[in-house]
Amino acid sequence: MKRHYFISDDLDELDRVEAELESEGLDKPQIHVYSEDDTGVDTHEHLHNVEAVLKKDVVHGTELGALIGVAAAALVLLIAWMSGLPETVTWVPFIFLAIVALGFCTWEGGLFGIQEMHHDFKQFRDELKSGKHVLFVDIEPNQVSALQRVIARHPQVRNAGTGSATPGFVIKAQRKWKEFVHTMP
């Protein structure tokens, strides 16, 4: 899958684009709008807003913190081993310290991430601040022509590049969940 980004300053236009994409066979989990105007997005029938937590870089920050934590834990254990202290004191305090270092660094990474805009959207920071909206569509290769047809009918929606998409299995799981929920009595 590949992600295609588009920018517009008109939520009504993006609502029409999303409706047309859905009529072309794209699913709602494939289409999102990132906007500073959450209320405006929520008032449109077809627009699928990015969740607030996904607008922040929590996951990326937590992953980076965990990598640093693994290095810190390894350093604690290496220093303990090289000092020879575990032979007299036991390994328990050093293993505990390594676990605490890993947990603390992971937690701090998440806290730093929650303060930052998601790394995939930093390139659109200026457009978002100026009131524009970013539509992004995760598509499979066989859906490219449908996307191009729809976008061609909307000249006000400007192409803003491509990027890595949500993994296909996540979108399939969202589809299955939607089907499951709709079959509930």
C-alpha atoms as a PDB file:
ATOM      1  CA  MET A   1       0.000   0.000   0.000  1.00  0.00           C
ATOM      2  CA  LYS A   2       1.016   3.584  -0.594  1.00  0.00           C
ATOM      3  CA  ARG A   3      -0.220   6.785   1.014  1.00  0.00           C
ATOM      4  CA  HIS A   4      -1.192   9.768  -1.168  1.00  0.00           C
ATOM      5  CA  TYR A   5      -1.463  13.223   0.412  1.00  0.00           C
ATOM      6  CA  PHE A   6      -3.683  16.058  -0.816  1.00  0.00           C
ATOM      7  CA  ILE A   7      -4.229  19.578   0.528  1.00  0.00           C
ATOM      8  CA  SER A   8      -7.348  21.719   0.385  1.00  0.00           C
ATOM      9  CA  ASP A   9      -8.783  24.666   2.270  1.00  0.00           C
ATOM     10  CA  ASP A  10     -12.379  23.523   1.744  1.00  0.00           C
ATOM     11  CA  LEU A  11     -13.828  20.765   3.949  1.00  0.00           C
ATOM     12  CA  ASP A  12     -16.959  20.589   1.789  1.00  0.00           C
ATOM     13  CA  GLU A  13     -14.798  19.753  -1.218  1.00  0.00           C
ATOM     14  CA  LEU A  14     -12.930  17.075   0.759  1.00  0.00           C
ATOM     15  CA  ASP A  15     -16.278  15.644   1.873  1.00  0.00           C
ATOM     16  CA  ARG A  16     -17.288  15.260  -1.785  1.00  0.00           C
ATOM     17  CA  VAL A  17     -13.891  13.700  -2.625  1.00  0.00           C
ATOM     18  CA  GLU A  18     -14.216  11.162   0.180  1.00  0.00           C
ATOM     19  CA  ALA A  19     -17.780  10.267  -0.849  1.00  0.00           C
ATOM     20  CA  GLU A  20     -16.614   9.714  -4.425  1.00  0.00           C
ATOM     21  CA  LEU A  21     -13.657   7.618  -3.288  1.00  0.00           C
ATOM     22  CA  GLU A  22     -15.995   5.448  -1.237  1.00  0.00           C
ATOM     23  CA  SER A  23     -18.295   5.066  -4.251  1.00  0.00           C
ATOM     24  CA  GLU A  24     -15.224   3.936  -6.248  1.00  0.00           C
ATOM     25  CA  GLY A  25     -14.707   1.090  -3.764  1.00  0.00           C
ATOM     26  CA  LEU A  26     -12.252   2.527  -1.252  1.00  0.00           C
ATOM     27  CA  ASP A  27     -13.093   1.838   2.369  1.00  0.00           C
ATOM     28  CA  LYS A  28     -13.406   4.464   5.096  1.00  0.00           C
ATOM     29  CA  PRO A  29     -10.309   3.137   6.964  1.00  0.00           C
ATOM     30  CA  GLN A  30      -8.255   4.000   3.872  1.00  0.00           C
ATOM     31  CA  ILE A  31      -9.254   7.681   3.879  1.00  0.00           C
ATOM     32  CA  HIS A  32      -8.516  10.253   6.588  1.00  0.00           C
ATOM     33  CA  VAL A  33      -8.468  14.008   7.019  1.00  0.00           C
ATOM     34  CA  TYR A  34      -5.927  15.708   9.249  1.00  0.00           C
ATOM     35  CA  SER A  35      -7.093  19.175  10.233  1.00  0.00           C
ATOM     36  CA  GLU A  36      -6.723  21.651  13.061  1.00  0.00           C
ATOM     37  CA  ASP A  37     -10.509  22.161  12.739  1.00  0.00           C
ATOM     38  CA  ASP A  38     -11.748  18.939  14.356  1.00  0.00           C
ATOM     39  CA  THR A  39     -15.258  20.305  14.812  1.00  0.00           C
ATOM     40  CA  GLY A  40     -15.498  21.190  11.131  1.00  0.00           C
ATOM     41  CA  VAL A  41     -14.384  17.710  10.122  1.00  0.00           C
ATOM     42  CA  ASP A  42     -16.848  16.073  12.515  1.00  0.00           C
ATOM     43  CA  THR A  43     -19.778  18.047  11.063  1.00  0.00           C
ATOM     44  CA  HIS A  44     -19.227  16.529   7.600  1.00  0.00           C
ATOM     45  CA  GLU A  45     -20.935  13.233   6.886  1.00  0.00           C
ATOM     46  CA  HIS A  46     -18.166  11.463   4.976  1.00  0.00           C
ATOM     47  CA  LEU A  47     -14.993  12.870   6.509  1.00  0.00           C
ATOM     48  CA  HIS A  48     -13.010  10.477   8.655  1.00  0.00           C
ATOM     49  CA  ASN A  49     -10.896  12.460  11.125  1.00  0.00           C
ATOM     50  CA  VAL A  50      -7.516  11.350  12.395  1.00  0.00           C
ATOM     51  CA  GLU A  51      -7.768  10.290  16.044  1.00  0.00           C
ATOM     52  CA  ALA A  52      -6.264  12.844  18.424  1.00  0.00           C
ATOM     53  CA  VAL A  53      -3.691  10.396  19.784  1.00  0.00           C
ATOM     54  CA  LEU A  54      -2.529   9.580  16.242  1.00  0.00           C
ATOM     55  CA  LYS A  55      -1.908  13.271  15.543  1.00  0.00           C
ATOM     56  CA  LYS A  56       0.871  13.093  18.115  1.00  0.00           C
ATOM     57  CA  ASP A  57       4.099  11.128  17.862  1.00  0.00           C
ATOM     58  CA  VAL A  58       3.476   8.945  20.930  1.00  0.00           C
ATOM     59  CA  VAL A  59       4.175   5.612  19.266  1.00  0.00           C
ATOM     60  CA  HIS A  60       7.336   6.801  17.534  1.00  0.00           C
ATOM     61  CA  GLY A  61       8.566   8.493  20.727  1.00  0.00           C
ATOM     62  CA  THR A  62       7.858   5.374  22.777  1.00  0.00           C
ATOM     63  CA  GLU A  63       9.760   3.216  20.274  1.00  0.00           C
ATOM     64  CA  LEU A  64      12.766   5.543  20.398  1.00  0.00           C
ATOM     65  CA  GLY A  65      12.596   5.623  24.195  1.00  0.00           C
ATOM     66  CA  ALA A  66      12.492   1.822  24.292  1.00  0.00           C
ATOM     67  CA  LEU A  67      15.600   1.611  22.079  1.00  0.00           C
ATOM     68  CA  ILE A  68      17.428   3.983  24.400  1.00  0.00           C
ATOM     69  CA  GLY A  69      16.103   1.976  27.355  1.00  0.00           C
ATOM     70  CA  VAL A  70      17.458  -1.275  25.940  1.00  0.00           C
ATOM     71  CA  ALA A  71      20.853   0.375  25.531  1.00  0.00           C
ATOM     72  CA  ALA A  72      20.709   1.758  29.097  1.00  0.00           C
ATOM     73  CA  ALA A  73      19.689  -1.647  30.506  1.00  0.00           C
ATOM     74  CA  ALA A  74      22.486  -3.349  28.606  1.00  0.00           C
ATOM     75  CA  LEU A  75      24.947  -0.745  29.916  1.00  0.00           C
ATOM     76  CA  VAL A  76      23.825  -1.352  33.519  1.00  0.00           C
ATOM     77  CA  LEU A  77      24.276  -5.104  33.119  1.00  0.00           C
ATOM     78  CA  LEU A  78      27.620  -4.674  31.352  1.00  0.00           C
ATOM     79  CA  ILE A  79      28.977  -2.403  34.084  1.00  0.00           C
ATOM     80  CA  ALA A  80      27.754  -4.831  36.747  1.00  0.00           C
ATOM     81  CA  TRP A  81      29.391  -7.779  34.987  1.00  0.00           C
ATOM     82  CA  MET A  82      32.664  -5.915  34.436  1.00  0.00           C
ATOM     83  CA  SER A  83      32.792  -4.735  38.064  1.00  0.00           C
ATOM     84  CA  GLY A  84      32.315  -8.226  39.461  1.00  0.00           C
ATOM     85  CA  LEU A  85      29.812  -6.979  42.054  1.00  0.00           C
ATOM     86  CA  PRO A  86      27.115  -9.571  41.206  1.00  0.00           C
ATOM     87  CA  GLU A  87      29.452 -12.293  42.503  1.00  0.00           C
ATOM     88  CA  THR A  88      29.268 -10.769  45.990  1.00  0.00           C
ATOM     89  CA  VAL A  89      25.873  -9.009  46.017  1.00  0.00           C
ATOM     90  CA  THR A  90      23.885 -11.152  43.459  1.00  0.00           C
ATOM     91  CA  TRP A  91      22.441 -10.088  40.122  1.00  0.00           C
ATOM     92  CA  VAL A  92      19.001  -9.110  41.511  1.00  0.00           C
ATOM     93  CA  PRO A  93      19.631  -5.374  42.128  1.00  0.00           C
ATOM     94  CA  PHE A  94      21.350  -4.959  38.758  1.00  0.00           C
ATOM     95  CA  ILE A  95      18.591  -6.750  36.868  1.00  0.00           C
ATOM     96  CA  PHE A  96      16.030  -4.634  38.724  1.00  0.00           C
ATOM     97  CA  LEU A  97      17.939  -1.449  37.857  1.00  0.00           C
ATOM     98  CA  ALA A  98      18.132  -2.534  34.196  1.00  0.00           C
ATOM     99  CA  ILE A  99      14.350  -3.107  34.116  1.00  0.00           C
ATOM    100  CA  VAL A 100      13.727   0.276  35.741  1.00  0.00           C
ATOM    101  CA  ALA A 101      16.047   1.992  33.220  1.00  0.00           C
ATOM    102  CA  LEU A 102      14.237   0.322  30.318  1.00  0.00           C
ATOM    103  CA  GLY A 103      10.795   1.274  31.671  1.00  0.00           C
ATOM    104  CA  PHE A 104      11.779   4.843  32.515  1.00  0.00           C
ATOM    105  CA  CYS A 105      13.344   5.530  29.111  1.00  0.00           C
ATOM    106  CA  THR A 106      10.330   4.026  27.312  1.00  0.00           C
ATOM    107  CA  TRP A 107       7.930   6.120  29.394  1.00  0.00           C
ATOM    108  CA  GLU A 108       9.932   9.302  28.841  1.00  0.00           C
ATOM    109  CA  GLY A 109      10.037   8.634  25.101  1.00  0.00           C
ATOM    110  CA  GLY A 110       6.234   8.466  25.074  1.00  0.00           C
ATOM    111  CA  LEU A 111       6.019  11.719  27.027  1.00  0.00           C
ATOM    112  CA  PHE A 112       8.304  13.460  24.555  1.00  0.00           C
ATOM    113  CA  GLY A 113       6.298  11.999  21.664  1.00  0.00           C
ATOM    114  CA  ILE A 114       2.968  13.270  22.995  1.00  0.00           C
ATOM    115  CA  GLN A 115       4.323  16.825  22.763  1.00  0.00           C
ATOM    116  CA  GLU A 116       5.292  16.497  19.099  1.00  0.00           C
ATOM    117  CA  MET A 117       3.269  16.438  15.905  1.00  0.00           C
ATOM    118  CA  HIS A 118       3.312  13.017  14.238  1.00  0.00           C
ATOM    119  CA  HIS A 119       6.458  12.684  12.154  1.00  0.00           C
ATOM    120  CA  ASP A 120       4.459  11.845   8.990  1.00  0.00           C
ATOM    121  CA  PHE A 121       2.639  15.197   9.172  1.00  0.00           C
ATOM    122  CA  LYS A 122       5.429  17.603  10.123  1.00  0.00           C
ATOM    123  CA  GLN A 123       5.877  18.434   6.446  1.00  0.00           C
ATOM    124  CA  PHE A 124       2.351  19.918   6.477  1.00  0.00           C
ATOM    125  CA  ARG A 125       2.755  22.006   9.641  1.00  0.00           C
ATOM    126  CA  ASP A 126       2.624  25.374   7.830  1.00  0.00           C
ATOM    127  CA  GLU A 127      -0.426  24.423   5.742  1.00  0.00           C
ATOM    128  CA  LEU A 128      -2.281  23.166   8.806  1.00  0.00           C
ATOM    129  CA  LYS A 129      -1.465  26.318  10.771  1.00  0.00           C
ATOM    130  CA  SER A 130      -2.814  28.434   7.895  1.00  0.00           C
ATOM    131  CA  GLY A 131      -6.177  26.652   8.052  1.00  0.00           C
ATOM    132  CA  LYS A 132      -5.729  24.107   5.284  1.00  0.00           C
ATOM    133  CA  HIS A 133      -6.623  20.426   5.618  1.00  0.00           C
ATOM    134  CA  VAL A 134      -4.668  17.319   4.613  1.00  0.00           C
ATOM    135  CA  LEU A 135      -6.513  14.424   3.012  1.00  0.00           C
ATOM    136  CA  PHE A 136      -4.539  11.212   2.893  1.00  0.00           C
ATOM    137  CA  VAL A 137      -5.539   8.010   1.191  1.00  0.00           C
ATOM    138  CA  ASP A 138      -3.893   4.619   1.656  1.00  0.00           C
ATOM    139  CA  ILE A 139      -4.361   2.691  -1.567  1.00  0.00           C
ATOM    140  CA  GLU A 140      -3.355  -0.568  -3.130  1.00  0.00           C
ATOM    141  CA  PRO A 141      -1.833  -0.562  -6.638  1.00  0.00           C
ATOM    142  CA  ASN A 142      -5.112  -1.615  -8.258  1.00  0.00           C
ATOM    143  CA  GLN A 143      -6.870   1.456  -6.778  1.00  0.00           C
ATOM    144  CA  VAL A 144      -4.554   4.122  -8.241  1.00  0.00           C
ATOM    145  CA  SER A 145      -6.717   4.749 -11.310  1.00  0.00           C
ATOM    146  CA  ALA A 146      -9.835   5.259  -9.157  1.00  0.00           C
ATOM    147  CA  LEU A 147      -7.972   7.787  -7.012  1.00  0.00           C
ATOM    148  CA  GLN A 148      -6.693   9.629 -10.090  1.00  0.00           C
ATOM    149  CA  ARG A 149     -10.198   9.787 -11.616  1.00  0.00           C
ATOM    150  CA  VAL A 150     -11.698  11.274  -8.470  1.00  0.00           C
ATOM    151  CA  ILE A 151      -8.903  13.803  -7.879  1.00  0.00           C
ATOM    152  CA  ALA A 152      -9.032  14.916 -11.529  1.00  0.00           C
ATOM    153  CA  ARG A 153     -12.633  16.061 -10.942  1.00  0.00           C
ATOM    154  CA  HIS A 154     -11.510  18.298  -8.049  1.00  0.00           C
ATOM    155  CA  PRO A 155      -8.897  20.818  -9.203  1.00  0.00           C
ATOM    156  CA  GLN A 156      -9.083  22.687  -5.862  1.00  0.00           C
ATOM    157  CA  VAL A 157      -7.539  19.641  -4.146  1.00  0.00           C
ATOM    158  CA  ARG A 158      -3.760  19.890  -4.573  1.00  0.00           C
ATOM    159  CA  ASN A 159      -1.496  16.835  -4.717  1.00  0.00           C
ATOM    160  CA  ALA A 160       1.029  16.964  -1.847  1.00  0.00           C
ATOM    161  CA  GLY A 161       3.074  13.820  -2.417  1.00  0.00           C
ATOM    162  CA  THR A 162       3.221  10.242  -1.215  1.00  0.00           C
ATOM    163  CA  GLY A 163       4.489   8.326   1.781  1.00  0.00           C
ATOM    164  CA  SER A 164       4.330   5.030   3.602  1.00  0.00           C
ATOM    165  CA  ALA A 165       0.834   3.786   4.344  1.00  0.00           C
ATOM    166  CA  THR A 166      -0.867   2.044   7.215  1.00  0.00           C
ATOM    167  CA  PRO A 167      -0.104  -1.668   6.881  1.00  0.00           C
ATOM    168  CA  GLY A 168      -2.691  -3.532   4.844  1.00  0.00           C
ATOM    169  CA  PHE A 169      -3.460  -5.969   7.668  1.00  0.00           C
ATOM    170  CA  VAL A 170      -4.517  -3.047   9.908  1.00  0.00           C
ATOM    171  CA  ILE A 171      -6.964  -1.763   7.289  1.00  0.00           C
ATOM    172  CA  LYS A 172      -8.312  -5.303   6.754  1.00  0.00           C
ATOM    173  CA  ALA A 173      -8.770  -5.694  10.523  1.00  0.00           C
ATOM    174  CA  GLN A 174     -10.687  -2.381  10.611  1.00  0.00           C
ATOM    175  CA  ARG A 175     -12.918  -3.628   7.773  1.00  0.00           C
ATOM    176  CA  LYS A 176     -13.584  -6.901   9.594  1.00  0.00           C
ATOM    177  CA  TRP A 177     -14.353  -5.031  12.822  1.00  0.00           C
ATOM    178  CA  LYS A 178     -16.810  -2.789  10.964  1.00  0.00           C
ATOM    179  CA  GLU A 179     -18.518  -5.851   9.450  1.00  0.00           C
ATOM    180  CA  PHE A 180     -18.652  -7.518  12.865  1.00  0.00           C
ATOM    181  CA  VAL A 181     -20.161  -4.459  14.551  1.00  0.00           C
ATOM    182  CA  HIS A 182     -22.817  -4.124  11.817  1.00  0.00           C
ATOM    183  CA  THR A 183     -23.898  -7.755  12.306  1.00  0.00           C
ATOM    184  CA  MET A 184     -24.521  -7.250  16.016  1.00  0.00           C
ATOM    185  CA  PRO A 185     -28.189  -7.118  17.027  1.00  0.00           C
END
